[in-house]
Amino acid sequence: MPDIGQMDKRERNREVIKMVYYIVGAILLLWFLGGLSRRLRRRNKVIHIVEDNCTGCKCCTKRCHRQVLDLAGDETGKHVVVKHPDKCTACGDCVKACKFNALELLERINNI
């Protein structure tokens, strides 16, 4: 890169624009790769329900944007969480919303 102090105004502007393009490109690349790695990590997670802790308060179902979680009654009358794992992105919003520690994000175990 040439010395900016010895260039005329037009050349300096070109060099500055070129540097801005490189910086913006690097930022966009880091942003894209960061999002990609988060999506790949989420594929390896699955929601686990601790049924003994679930009170049926519906905090998790209200927080889930993809409607993965639902409530259903069992034979004891207590509500348990029923999940639709195909829709889950493992974002963790439901885990954060649960005040009773009834939800966990665990590593997915692949059956071979």
N, C-alpha and C. Protein backbone atom coordinates (compact mmCIF):
# COMPACT_ATOMS: atom_id res chain seq x y z
N MET A 1 0.84 -1.17 0.00
CA MET A 1 0.00 0.00 0.00
C MET A 1 0.89 1.24 0.00
N PRO A 2 0.64 2.15 -0.92
CA PRO A 2 1.48 3.35 -1.00
C PRO A 2 1.27 4.27 0.20
N ASP A 3 2.25 5.15 0.39
CA ASP A 3 2.19 6.13 1.48
C ASP A 3 1.12 7.17 1.14
N ILE A 4 0.11 7.28 2.00
CA ILE A 4 -1.03 8.16 1.74
C ILE A 4 -0.61 9.62 1.74
N GLY A 5 0.41 10.00 2.48
CA GLY A 5 0.85 11.39 2.55
C GLY A 5 1.41 11.92 1.24
N GLN A 6 1.91 11.05 0.35
CA GLN A 6 2.53 11.50 -0.89
C GLN A 6 1.62 11.35 -2.11
N MET A 7 0.34 11.10 -1.93
CA MET A 7 -0.59 10.93 -3.05
C MET A 7 -1.40 12.20 -3.27
N ASP A 8 -1.93 12.32 -4.48
CA ASP A 8 -2.85 13.42 -4.70
C ASP A 8 -4.23 13.03 -4.14
N LYS A 9 -5.14 13.97 -4.14
CA LYS A 9 -6.43 13.79 -3.47
C LYS A 9 -7.23 12.62 -4.07
N ARG A 10 -7.24 12.50 -5.39
CA ARG A 10 -8.00 11.44 -6.05
C ARG A 10 -7.47 10.06 -5.68
N GLU A 11 -6.16 9.91 -5.67
CA GLU A 11 -5.55 8.63 -5.31
C GLU A 11 -5.83 8.29 -3.85
N ARG A 12 -5.76 9.30 -2.98
CA ARG A 12 -6.06 9.07 -1.55
C ARG A 12 -7.49 8.58 -1.37
N ASN A 13 -8.42 9.21 -2.09
CA ASN A 13 -9.82 8.80 -1.99
C ASN A 13 -10.00 7.36 -2.44
N ARG A 14 -9.33 6.98 -3.52
CA ARG A 14 -9.42 5.59 -4.00
C ARG A 14 -8.88 4.61 -2.97
N GLU A 15 -7.76 4.96 -2.36
CA GLU A 15 -7.18 4.08 -1.34
C GLU A 15 -8.08 3.98 -0.10
N VAL A 16 -8.67 5.09 0.29
CA VAL A 16 -9.57 5.07 1.45
C VAL A 16 -10.80 4.22 1.14
N ILE A 17 -11.35 4.39 -0.05
CA ILE A 17 -12.52 3.59 -0.44
C ILE A 17 -12.16 2.11 -0.48
N LYS A 18 -10.99 1.80 -0.99
CA LYS A 18 -10.54 0.41 -1.04
C LYS A 18 -10.42 -0.18 0.37
N MET A 19 -9.85 0.61 1.29
CA MET A 19 -9.72 0.13 2.68
C MET A 19 -11.08 -0.07 3.32
N VAL A 20 -12.02 0.84 3.04
CA VAL A 20 -13.38 0.70 3.59
C VAL A 20 -14.03 -0.57 3.06
N TYR A 21 -13.87 -0.85 1.76
CA TYR A 21 -14.41 -2.09 1.20
C TYR A 21 -13.83 -3.31 1.89
N TYR A 22 -12.53 -3.33 2.13
CA TYR A 22 -11.90 -4.46 2.80
C TYR A 22 -12.43 -4.63 4.22
N ILE A 23 -12.58 -3.52 4.92
CA ILE A 23 -13.06 -3.59 6.31
C ILE A 23 -14.51 -4.07 6.35
N VAL A 24 -15.36 -3.50 5.49
CA VAL A 24 -16.77 -3.92 5.45
C VAL A 24 -16.87 -5.39 5.04
N GLY A 25 -16.08 -5.80 4.07
CA GLY A 25 -16.08 -7.20 3.64
C GLY A 25 -15.67 -8.13 4.76
N ALA A 26 -14.65 -7.75 5.51
CA ALA A 26 -14.20 -8.58 6.63
C ALA A 26 -15.27 -8.68 7.70
N ILE A 27 -15.93 -7.56 7.99
CA ILE A 27 -17.00 -7.58 9.00
C ILE A 27 -18.16 -8.46 8.55
N LEU A 28 -18.56 -8.34 7.29
CA LEU A 28 -19.64 -9.18 6.77
C LEU A 28 -19.27 -10.65 6.79
N LEU A 29 -18.04 -10.96 6.45
CA LEU A 29 -17.59 -12.35 6.47
C LEU A 29 -17.63 -12.91 7.89
N LEU A 30 -17.16 -12.15 8.86
CA LEU A 30 -17.20 -12.60 10.25
C LEU A 30 -18.63 -12.77 10.74
N TRP A 31 -19.51 -11.85 10.35
CA TRP A 31 -20.92 -11.94 10.74
C TRP A 31 -21.55 -13.20 10.16
N PHE A 32 -21.29 -13.47 8.88
CA PHE A 32 -21.85 -14.65 8.23
C PHE A 32 -21.32 -15.93 8.85
N LEU A 33 -20.01 -16.01 9.05
CA LEU A 33 -19.43 -17.22 9.63
C LEU A 33 -19.89 -17.43 11.07
N GLY A 34 -20.07 -16.36 11.82
CA GLY A 34 -20.57 -16.49 13.19
C GLY A 34 -21.98 -17.04 13.22
N GLY A 35 -22.84 -16.55 12.35
CA GLY A 35 -24.21 -17.06 12.27
C GLY A 35 -24.25 -18.49 11.79
N LEU A 36 -23.39 -18.83 10.85
CA LEU A 36 -23.33 -20.20 10.34
C LEU A 36 -22.90 -21.16 11.44
N SER A 37 -21.89 -20.79 12.21
CA SER A 37 -21.43 -21.68 13.27
C SER A 37 -22.50 -21.85 14.35
N ARG A 38 -23.26 -20.79 14.65
CA ARG A 38 -24.35 -20.92 15.63
C ARG A 38 -25.41 -21.88 15.11
N ARG A 39 -25.77 -21.78 13.82
CA ARG A 39 -26.77 -22.69 13.27
C ARG A 39 -26.28 -24.13 13.29
N LEU A 40 -25.00 -24.35 13.00
CA LEU A 40 -24.48 -25.71 13.03
C LEU A 40 -24.45 -26.27 14.44
N ARG A 41 -24.11 -25.43 15.42
CA ARG A 41 -24.11 -25.90 16.81
C ARG A 41 -25.51 -26.25 17.27
N ARG A 42 -26.49 -25.49 16.82
CA ARG A 42 -27.87 -25.75 17.23
C ARG A 42 -28.38 -27.08 16.71
N ARG A 43 -27.90 -27.52 15.57
CA ARG A 43 -28.33 -28.81 15.04
C ARG A 43 -27.94 -29.96 15.96
N ASN A 44 -26.92 -29.75 16.76
CA ASN A 44 -26.44 -30.80 17.65
C ASN A 44 -27.09 -30.75 19.02
N LYS A 45 -28.07 -29.88 19.21
CA LYS A 45 -28.74 -29.74 20.50
C LYS A 45 -30.18 -30.24 20.38
N VAL A 46 -30.70 -30.69 21.52
CA VAL A 46 -32.08 -31.14 21.59
C VAL A 46 -32.65 -30.71 22.95
N ILE A 47 -33.94 -30.40 22.98
CA ILE A 47 -34.60 -30.01 24.22
C ILE A 47 -34.89 -31.27 25.03
N HIS A 48 -34.51 -31.25 26.29
CA HIS A 48 -34.83 -32.34 27.22
C HIS A 48 -35.76 -31.77 28.29
N ILE A 49 -36.83 -32.50 28.57
CA ILE A 49 -37.82 -32.04 29.53
C ILE A 49 -37.67 -32.82 30.83
N VAL A 50 -37.51 -32.10 31.92
CA VAL A 50 -37.47 -32.70 33.25
C VAL A 50 -38.91 -32.64 33.77
N GLU A 51 -39.65 -33.73 33.56
CA GLU A 51 -41.08 -33.72 33.83
C GLU A 51 -41.41 -33.49 35.30
N ASP A 52 -40.55 -33.92 36.20
CA ASP A 52 -40.81 -33.72 37.63
C ASP A 52 -40.80 -32.24 38.01
N ASN A 53 -40.08 -31.43 37.25
CA ASN A 53 -39.99 -29.99 37.55
C ASN A 53 -41.08 -29.17 36.86
N CYS A 54 -41.73 -29.74 35.85
CA CYS A 54 -42.72 -28.99 35.07
C CYS A 54 -43.99 -28.76 35.88
N THR A 55 -44.42 -27.50 35.94
CA THR A 55 -45.65 -27.15 36.66
C THR A 55 -46.79 -26.83 35.71
N GLY A 56 -46.54 -26.82 34.42
CA GLY A 56 -47.56 -26.48 33.44
C GLY A 56 -47.88 -25.00 33.39
N CYS A 57 -46.93 -24.16 33.72
CA CYS A 57 -47.17 -22.71 33.78
C CYS A 57 -47.25 -22.05 32.40
N LYS A 58 -46.83 -22.73 31.38
CA LYS A 58 -46.87 -22.27 29.97
C LYS A 58 -45.88 -21.15 29.65
N CYS A 59 -44.96 -20.85 30.53
CA CYS A 59 -43.96 -19.81 30.22
C CYS A 59 -43.13 -20.20 29.00
N CYS A 60 -42.77 -21.47 28.91
CA CYS A 60 -41.94 -21.93 27.79
C CYS A 60 -42.71 -21.91 26.48
N THR A 61 -43.99 -22.31 26.51
CA THR A 61 -44.76 -22.33 25.27
C THR A 61 -45.03 -20.93 24.75
N LYS A 62 -45.19 -19.97 25.65
CA LYS A 62 -45.40 -18.58 25.23
C LYS A 62 -44.12 -17.99 24.64
N ARG A 63 -42.98 -18.43 25.13
CA ARG A 63 -41.69 -17.87 24.70
C ARG A 63 -41.20 -18.48 23.38
N CYS A 64 -41.65 -19.70 23.07
CA CYS A 64 -41.18 -20.40 21.86
C CYS A 64 -41.82 -19.79 20.62
N HIS A 65 -41.00 -19.19 19.77
CA HIS A 65 -41.49 -18.51 18.57
C HIS A 65 -41.87 -19.49 17.46
N ARG A 66 -41.35 -20.71 17.53
CA ARG A 66 -41.61 -21.69 16.48
C ARG A 66 -42.69 -22.68 16.87
N GLN A 67 -43.33 -22.47 18.01
CA GLN A 67 -44.41 -23.32 18.51
C GLN A 67 -43.99 -24.78 18.60
N VAL A 68 -42.80 -24.99 19.12
CA VAL A 68 -42.27 -26.34 19.29
C VAL A 68 -42.90 -27.03 20.49
N LEU A 69 -43.17 -26.26 21.52
CA LEU A 69 -43.66 -26.82 22.77
C LEU A 69 -45.17 -26.66 22.89
N ASP A 70 -45.79 -27.66 23.53
CA ASP A 70 -47.23 -27.62 23.76
C ASP A 70 -47.48 -28.29 25.10
N LEU A 71 -48.63 -28.07 25.67
CA LEU A 71 -48.97 -28.69 26.94
C LEU A 71 -50.07 -29.71 26.75
N ALA A 72 -49.99 -30.79 27.50
CA ALA A 72 -51.01 -31.83 27.46
C ALA A 72 -51.13 -32.44 28.85
N GLY A 73 -52.31 -32.89 29.19
CA GLY A 73 -52.51 -33.52 30.50
C GLY A 73 -52.17 -35.00 30.42
N ASP A 74 -51.63 -35.53 31.51
CA ASP A 74 -51.39 -36.97 31.58
C ASP A 74 -52.37 -37.57 32.57
N GLU A 75 -52.21 -38.86 32.86
CA GLU A 75 -53.17 -39.56 33.71
C GLU A 75 -53.22 -39.03 35.14
N THR A 76 -52.17 -38.35 35.60
CA THR A 76 -52.16 -37.78 36.95
C THR A 76 -52.80 -36.40 36.99
N GLY A 77 -53.14 -35.86 35.85
CA GLY A 77 -53.74 -34.54 35.79
C GLY A 77 -52.72 -33.42 35.65
N LYS A 78 -51.45 -33.72 35.89
CA LYS A 78 -50.40 -32.71 35.76
C LYS A 78 -50.11 -32.48 34.28
N HIS A 79 -49.84 -31.26 33.94
CA HIS A 79 -49.50 -30.95 32.55
C HIS A 79 -48.03 -31.24 32.30
N VAL A 80 -47.76 -31.90 31.23
CA VAL A 80 -46.37 -32.13 30.82
C VAL A 80 -46.16 -31.47 29.46
N VAL A 81 -44.94 -31.16 29.16
CA VAL A 81 -44.62 -30.49 27.90
C VAL A 81 -44.45 -31.54 26.82
N VAL A 82 -45.14 -31.34 25.71
CA VAL A 82 -45.00 -32.20 24.54
C VAL A 82 -44.24 -31.40 23.50
N LYS A 83 -43.19 -31.97 22.93
CA LYS A 83 -42.35 -31.21 22.01
C LYS A 83 -42.47 -31.73 20.57
N HIS A 84 -42.19 -30.86 19.62
CA HIS A 84 -42.13 -31.18 18.19
C HIS A 84 -40.70 -30.93 17.74
N PRO A 85 -39.81 -31.91 17.90
CA PRO A 85 -38.38 -31.66 17.69
C PRO A 85 -37.99 -31.26 16.27
N ASP A 86 -38.81 -31.59 15.29
CA ASP A 86 -38.47 -31.23 13.92
C ASP A 86 -38.49 -29.72 13.69
N LYS A 87 -39.22 -28.98 14.50
CA LYS A 87 -39.30 -27.53 14.37
C LYS A 87 -38.26 -26.79 15.21
N CYS A 88 -37.67 -27.46 16.17
CA CYS A 88 -36.80 -26.81 17.15
C CYS A 88 -35.48 -26.37 16.53
N THR A 89 -35.09 -25.11 16.81
CA THR A 89 -33.80 -24.59 16.38
C THR A 89 -32.80 -24.53 17.53
N ALA A 90 -33.19 -24.99 18.70
CA ALA A 90 -32.33 -25.00 19.90
C ALA A 90 -31.82 -23.60 20.24
N CYS A 91 -32.71 -22.62 20.13
CA CYS A 91 -32.31 -21.24 20.43
C CYS A 91 -32.16 -21.02 21.94
N GLY A 92 -32.83 -21.82 22.75
CA GLY A 92 -32.70 -21.72 24.20
C GLY A 92 -33.66 -20.74 24.86
N ASP A 93 -34.55 -20.12 24.09
CA ASP A 93 -35.49 -19.17 24.69
C ASP A 93 -36.40 -19.84 25.71
N CYS A 94 -36.85 -21.05 25.42
CA CYS A 94 -37.74 -21.76 26.35
C CYS A 94 -37.02 -22.11 27.65
N VAL A 95 -35.74 -22.47 27.53
CA VAL A 95 -34.95 -22.81 28.72
C VAL A 95 -34.80 -21.58 29.62
N LYS A 96 -34.54 -20.43 29.00
CA LYS A 96 -34.41 -19.19 29.77
C LYS A 96 -35.73 -18.78 30.42
N ALA A 97 -36.85 -19.07 29.76
CA ALA A 97 -38.16 -18.66 30.27
C ALA A 97 -38.63 -19.51 31.44
N CYS A 98 -38.15 -20.74 31.55
CA CYS A 98 -38.62 -21.66 32.59
C CYS A 98 -37.99 -21.31 33.93
N LYS A 99 -38.84 -20.98 34.90
CA LYS A 99 -38.37 -20.62 36.24
C LYS A 99 -38.15 -21.85 37.13
N PHE A 100 -38.57 -23.02 36.65
CA PHE A 100 -38.53 -24.23 37.46
C PHE A 100 -37.49 -25.24 36.99
N ASN A 101 -36.62 -24.83 36.07
CA ASN A 101 -35.57 -25.71 35.52
C ASN A 101 -36.13 -27.01 34.96
N ALA A 102 -37.24 -26.90 34.24
CA ALA A 102 -37.86 -28.09 33.66
C ALA A 102 -37.36 -28.37 32.24
N LEU A 103 -36.58 -27.47 31.67
CA LEU A 103 -36.07 -27.66 30.31
C LEU A 103 -34.56 -27.53 30.28
N GLU A 104 -33.94 -28.35 29.45
CA GLU A 104 -32.48 -28.31 29.28
C GLU A 104 -32.16 -28.47 27.80
N LEU A 105 -31.09 -27.86 27.35
CA LEU A 105 -30.56 -28.11 26.01
C LEU A 105 -29.41 -29.09 26.16
N LEU A 106 -29.55 -30.26 25.57
CA LEU A 106 -28.52 -31.29 25.67
C LEU A 106 -27.95 -31.60 24.29
N GLU A 107 -26.75 -32.17 24.29
CA GLU A 107 -26.14 -32.61 23.04
C GLU A 107 -26.94 -33.77 22.47
N ARG A 108 -27.19 -33.71 21.17
CA ARG A 108 -27.92 -34.78 20.49
C ARG A 108 -27.02 -36.01 20.39
N ILE A 109 -27.58 -37.17 20.66
CA ILE A 109 -26.86 -38.43 20.53
C ILE A 109 -27.33 -39.09 19.24
N ASN A 110 -26.39 -39.29 18.32
CA ASN A 110 -26.73 -39.91 17.03
C ASN A 110 -26.71 -41.41 17.16
N ASN A 111 -27.80 -42.04 16.75
CA ASN A 111 -27.85 -43.50 16.74
C ASN A 111 -27.36 -43.99 15.38
N ILE A 112 -26.41 -44.90 15.40
CA ILE A 112 -25.84 -45.41 14.15
C ILE A 112 -26.45 -46.75 13.82
